[in-house]
Amino acid sequence: MSGTSLNAMLFLISCVFDFYIIVLFMRLVLAWVNADYNHPITQFVVKLTSFVVKPVKKFLPDFRGFETSTLILIILIEALKYFVITILSFGMPNILGLFILAVGDSLRLMLETLSLALVFQVILSWMQPGSPIYQVLFKFTSPVVRPFQKLIPPIAGIDVSPIPAIILLQLLIIIIVNPMKGTGLGIAIGG
């Protein structure tokens, strides 16, 4: 297989897995913050993930409203993604490195999803603060923004707390996630 074809295939594999992992992460957070179950976005997320989460919940029940089964699934699906990518690119990976890489990339996807949700929330707050989507985004991002809202009051009626929240999320990716992924990749491929 040519390098271009392999890169295209790896890109598509990564996109499909990442999309589903993001939806699982949305489920994890929406369940944790008790989002409105009847909202169309919540329904979409639940219906897209229930067939995978329900069987695992039998063995890993929720813990204080936190879906441990969904978190474990995120890491396992992430590990499967990197197993497939590594097999196609380098050969059989080291399992420990694969799981370090999976945890690191799971964190990256979670932090980037929260950052993007914060950006959408800010834009909607300016354009349509009463929008039903805004309410779901507000619930989704509240665990991250709430501490900053306590520290930073609105300036001239504008909530600027998402800005330091986004900066913190990006710093976490640089300081924690990227080194974790690098270490995991090095161990996984034996480099």
Protein backbone atom coordinates (compact mmCIF):
# COMPACT_ATOMS: atom_id res chain seq x y z
CA MET A 1 0.00 0.00 0.00
CA SER A 2 1.40 3.41 -0.92
CA GLY A 3 2.21 5.98 1.73
CA THR A 4 -0.60 8.26 0.59
CA SER A 5 -3.19 5.47 0.66
CA LEU A 6 -2.02 4.35 4.10
CA ASN A 7 -2.17 7.91 5.43
CA ALA A 8 -5.68 8.35 4.01
CA MET A 9 -6.82 5.07 5.58
CA LEU A 10 -5.25 5.95 8.96
CA PHE A 11 -6.93 9.35 8.83
CA LEU A 12 -10.35 7.80 8.18
CA ILE A 13 -9.86 5.21 10.95
CA SER A 14 -8.87 7.95 13.38
CA CYS A 15 -11.85 10.14 12.40
CA VAL A 16 -14.41 7.36 12.87
CA PHE A 17 -13.01 6.30 16.23
CA ASP A 18 -12.61 9.92 17.43
CA PHE A 19 -16.20 10.78 16.51
CA TYR A 20 -17.56 7.90 18.54
CA ILE A 21 -15.24 8.61 21.48
CA ILE A 22 -16.41 12.25 21.51
CA VAL A 23 -20.04 11.09 21.57
CA LEU A 24 -19.21 8.75 24.48
CA PHE A 25 -17.51 11.64 26.29
CA MET A 26 -20.60 13.78 25.74
CA ARG A 27 -22.68 10.99 27.29
CA LEU A 28 -20.30 10.83 30.25
CA VAL A 29 -20.53 14.55 30.97
CA LEU A 30 -24.26 14.92 30.22
CA ALA A 31 -25.05 12.08 32.63
CA TRP A 32 -22.75 13.52 35.27
CA VAL A 33 -24.36 17.00 35.16
CA ASN A 34 -27.90 15.56 34.96
CA ALA A 35 -28.69 17.12 31.60
CA ASP A 36 -32.29 17.08 30.39
CA TYR A 37 -32.83 13.53 29.15
CA ASN A 38 -35.62 14.65 26.81
CA HIS A 39 -33.48 17.18 24.92
CA PRO A 40 -32.83 16.08 21.30
CA ILE A 41 -29.03 16.32 21.70
CA THR A 42 -29.11 14.17 24.82
CA GLN A 43 -31.41 11.69 23.08
CA PHE A 44 -29.04 11.54 20.09
CA VAL A 45 -26.07 10.84 22.36
CA VAL A 46 -27.89 8.21 24.41
CA LYS A 47 -29.28 6.38 21.39
CA LEU A 48 -25.91 6.35 19.65
CA THR A 49 -24.11 4.91 22.68
CA SER A 50 -26.58 2.76 24.61
CA PHE A 51 -25.94 -0.44 22.65
CA VAL A 52 -22.30 -0.33 23.77
CA VAL A 53 -22.70 1.13 27.26
CA LYS A 54 -25.63 -0.97 28.56
CA PRO A 55 -23.84 -4.34 28.49
CA VAL A 56 -20.77 -2.88 30.21
CA LYS A 57 -22.94 -1.21 32.89
CA LYS A 58 -23.92 -4.68 34.10
CA PHE A 59 -20.33 -5.20 35.23
CA LEU A 60 -19.35 -1.59 36.00
CA PRO A 61 -22.26 0.26 37.62
CA ASP A 62 -22.41 4.03 37.99
CA PHE A 63 -20.56 5.54 40.92
CA ARG A 64 -22.31 8.58 42.45
CA GLY A 65 -23.82 9.59 39.12
CA PHE A 66 -20.57 8.99 37.23
CA GLU A 67 -20.73 6.43 34.42
CA THR A 68 -17.58 4.40 35.04
CA SER A 69 -18.61 2.03 32.25
CA THR A 70 -18.55 4.88 29.72
CA LEU A 71 -15.12 6.05 30.88
CA ILE A 72 -13.69 2.53 30.60
CA LEU A 73 -15.25 2.17 27.13
CA ILE A 74 -13.66 5.44 26.02
CA ILE A 75 -10.21 4.17 27.01
CA LEU A 76 -10.79 0.70 25.49
CA ILE A 77 -12.05 2.12 22.18
CA GLU A 78 -9.12 4.54 22.14
CA ALA A 79 -6.77 1.57 22.73
CA LEU A 80 -8.45 -0.34 19.89
CA LYS A 81 -7.98 2.67 17.61
CA TYR A 82 -4.27 2.86 18.37
CA PHE A 83 -3.91 -0.91 18.11
CA VAL A 84 -5.27 -0.81 14.56
CA ILE A 85 -3.21 2.26 13.63
CA THR A 86 -0.02 0.82 15.13
CA ILE A 87 -0.48 -2.58 13.47
CA LEU A 88 -0.94 -0.90 10.09
CA SER A 89 1.96 1.51 10.59
CA PHE A 90 4.64 -0.20 12.70
CA GLY A 91 3.62 -3.76 13.54
CA MET A 92 2.60 -5.33 16.85
CA PRO A 93 2.59 -2.69 19.63
CA ASN A 94 3.62 -2.96 23.27
CA ILE A 95 0.34 -3.17 25.25
CA LEU A 96 1.49 -0.92 28.13
CA GLY A 97 2.50 1.81 25.70
CA LEU A 98 -0.77 1.35 23.86
CA PHE A 99 -2.79 2.01 27.03
CA ILE A 100 -0.68 5.03 28.02
CA LEU A 101 -1.25 6.38 24.51
CA ALA A 102 -4.98 5.59 24.75
CA VAL A 103 -5.36 7.40 28.08
CA GLY A 104 -3.40 10.39 26.78
CA ASP A 105 -5.41 10.66 23.58
CA SER A 106 -8.67 10.19 25.50
CA LEU A 107 -7.70 13.16 27.65
CA ARG A 108 -6.79 15.16 24.55
CA LEU A 109 -10.16 14.49 22.93
CA MET A 110 -12.01 15.34 26.14
CA LEU A 111 -10.13 18.61 26.65
CA GLU A 112 -10.48 19.64 22.99
CA THR A 113 -14.20 18.79 23.03
CA LEU A 114 -14.69 20.93 26.13
CA SER A 115 -12.70 23.78 24.54
CA LEU A 116 -14.79 23.65 21.39
CA ALA A 117 -18.02 23.48 23.41
CA LEU A 118 -16.90 26.58 25.33
CA VAL A 119 -16.27 28.46 22.08
CA PHE A 120 -19.73 27.48 20.76
CA GLN A 121 -21.28 28.44 24.08
CA VAL A 122 -19.68 31.90 23.99
CA ILE A 123 -20.82 32.50 20.40
CA LEU A 124 -24.37 31.36 21.21
CA SER A 125 -24.44 33.52 24.35
CA TRP A 126 -23.90 36.55 22.13
CA MET A 127 -26.32 35.51 19.40
CA GLN A 128 -29.03 33.32 20.97
CA PRO A 129 -28.65 32.97 24.75
CA GLY A 130 -32.15 31.49 25.05
CA SER A 131 -31.44 28.75 22.50
CA PRO A 132 -32.07 25.15 23.64
CA ILE A 133 -28.60 24.24 22.37
CA TYR A 134 -27.11 26.94 24.59
CA GLN A 135 -28.74 25.34 27.62
CA VAL A 136 -27.18 21.94 26.82
CA LEU A 137 -23.77 23.53 26.19
CA PHE A 138 -24.07 25.43 29.47
CA LYS A 139 -24.74 22.18 31.35
CA PHE A 140 -21.96 20.41 29.45
CA THR A 141 -19.32 23.06 30.18
CA SER A 142 -20.43 24.05 33.68
CA PRO A 143 -17.97 21.77 35.53
CA VAL A 144 -15.09 23.58 33.81
CA VAL A 145 -16.42 27.15 33.82
CA ARG A 146 -18.03 27.28 37.28
CA PRO A 147 -14.75 27.67 39.24
CA PHE A 148 -13.69 30.55 36.98
CA GLN A 149 -17.09 32.23 37.31
CA LYS A 150 -16.59 32.28 41.08
CA LEU A 151 -13.22 34.00 40.67
CA ILE A 152 -13.93 36.34 37.75
CA PRO A 153 -17.07 38.48 37.87
CA PRO A 154 -18.75 39.55 34.61
CA ILE A 155 -17.13 42.61 33.05
CA ALA A 156 -19.71 45.14 31.84
CA GLY A 157 -22.28 42.32 31.90
CA ILE A 158 -20.14 39.97 29.80
CA ASP A 159 -19.01 36.64 31.24
CA VAL A 160 -15.32 36.30 30.38
CA SER A 161 -14.77 33.15 32.46
CA PRO A 162 -14.70 30.86 29.40
CA ILE A 163 -11.49 32.53 28.20
CA PRO A 164 -9.26 31.41 31.10
CA ALA A 165 -11.06 28.04 31.06
CA ILE A 166 -10.10 27.51 27.40
CA ILE A 167 -6.54 28.64 28.13
CA LEU A 168 -6.30 26.17 31.03
CA LEU A 169 -7.66 23.31 28.91
CA GLN A 170 -5.09 24.01 26.19
CA LEU A 171 -2.28 24.26 28.77
CA LEU A 172 -3.28 20.86 30.14
CA ILE A 173 -2.96 19.41 26.65
CA ILE A 174 0.53 20.89 26.27
CA ILE A 175 1.82 20.12 29.78
CA ILE A 176 0.22 16.73 30.53
CA VAL A 177 -1.37 15.14 27.47
CA ASN A 178 1.32 15.65 24.82
CA PRO A 179 4.15 14.23 26.99
CA MET A 180 1.89 11.30 27.98
CA LYS A 181 1.11 10.54 24.35
CA GLY A 182 4.78 10.82 23.40
CA THR A 183 5.79 8.41 26.15
CA GLY A 184 3.01 6.00 25.23
CA LEU A 185 3.90 6.07 21.56
CA GLY A 186 7.58 5.51 22.35
CA ILE A 187 6.77 2.47 24.47
CA ALA A 188 4.10 1.18 22.05
CA ILE A 189 6.36 1.12 19.01
CA GLY A 190 9.55 0.38 20.93
CA GLY A 191 11.23 3.67 20.09
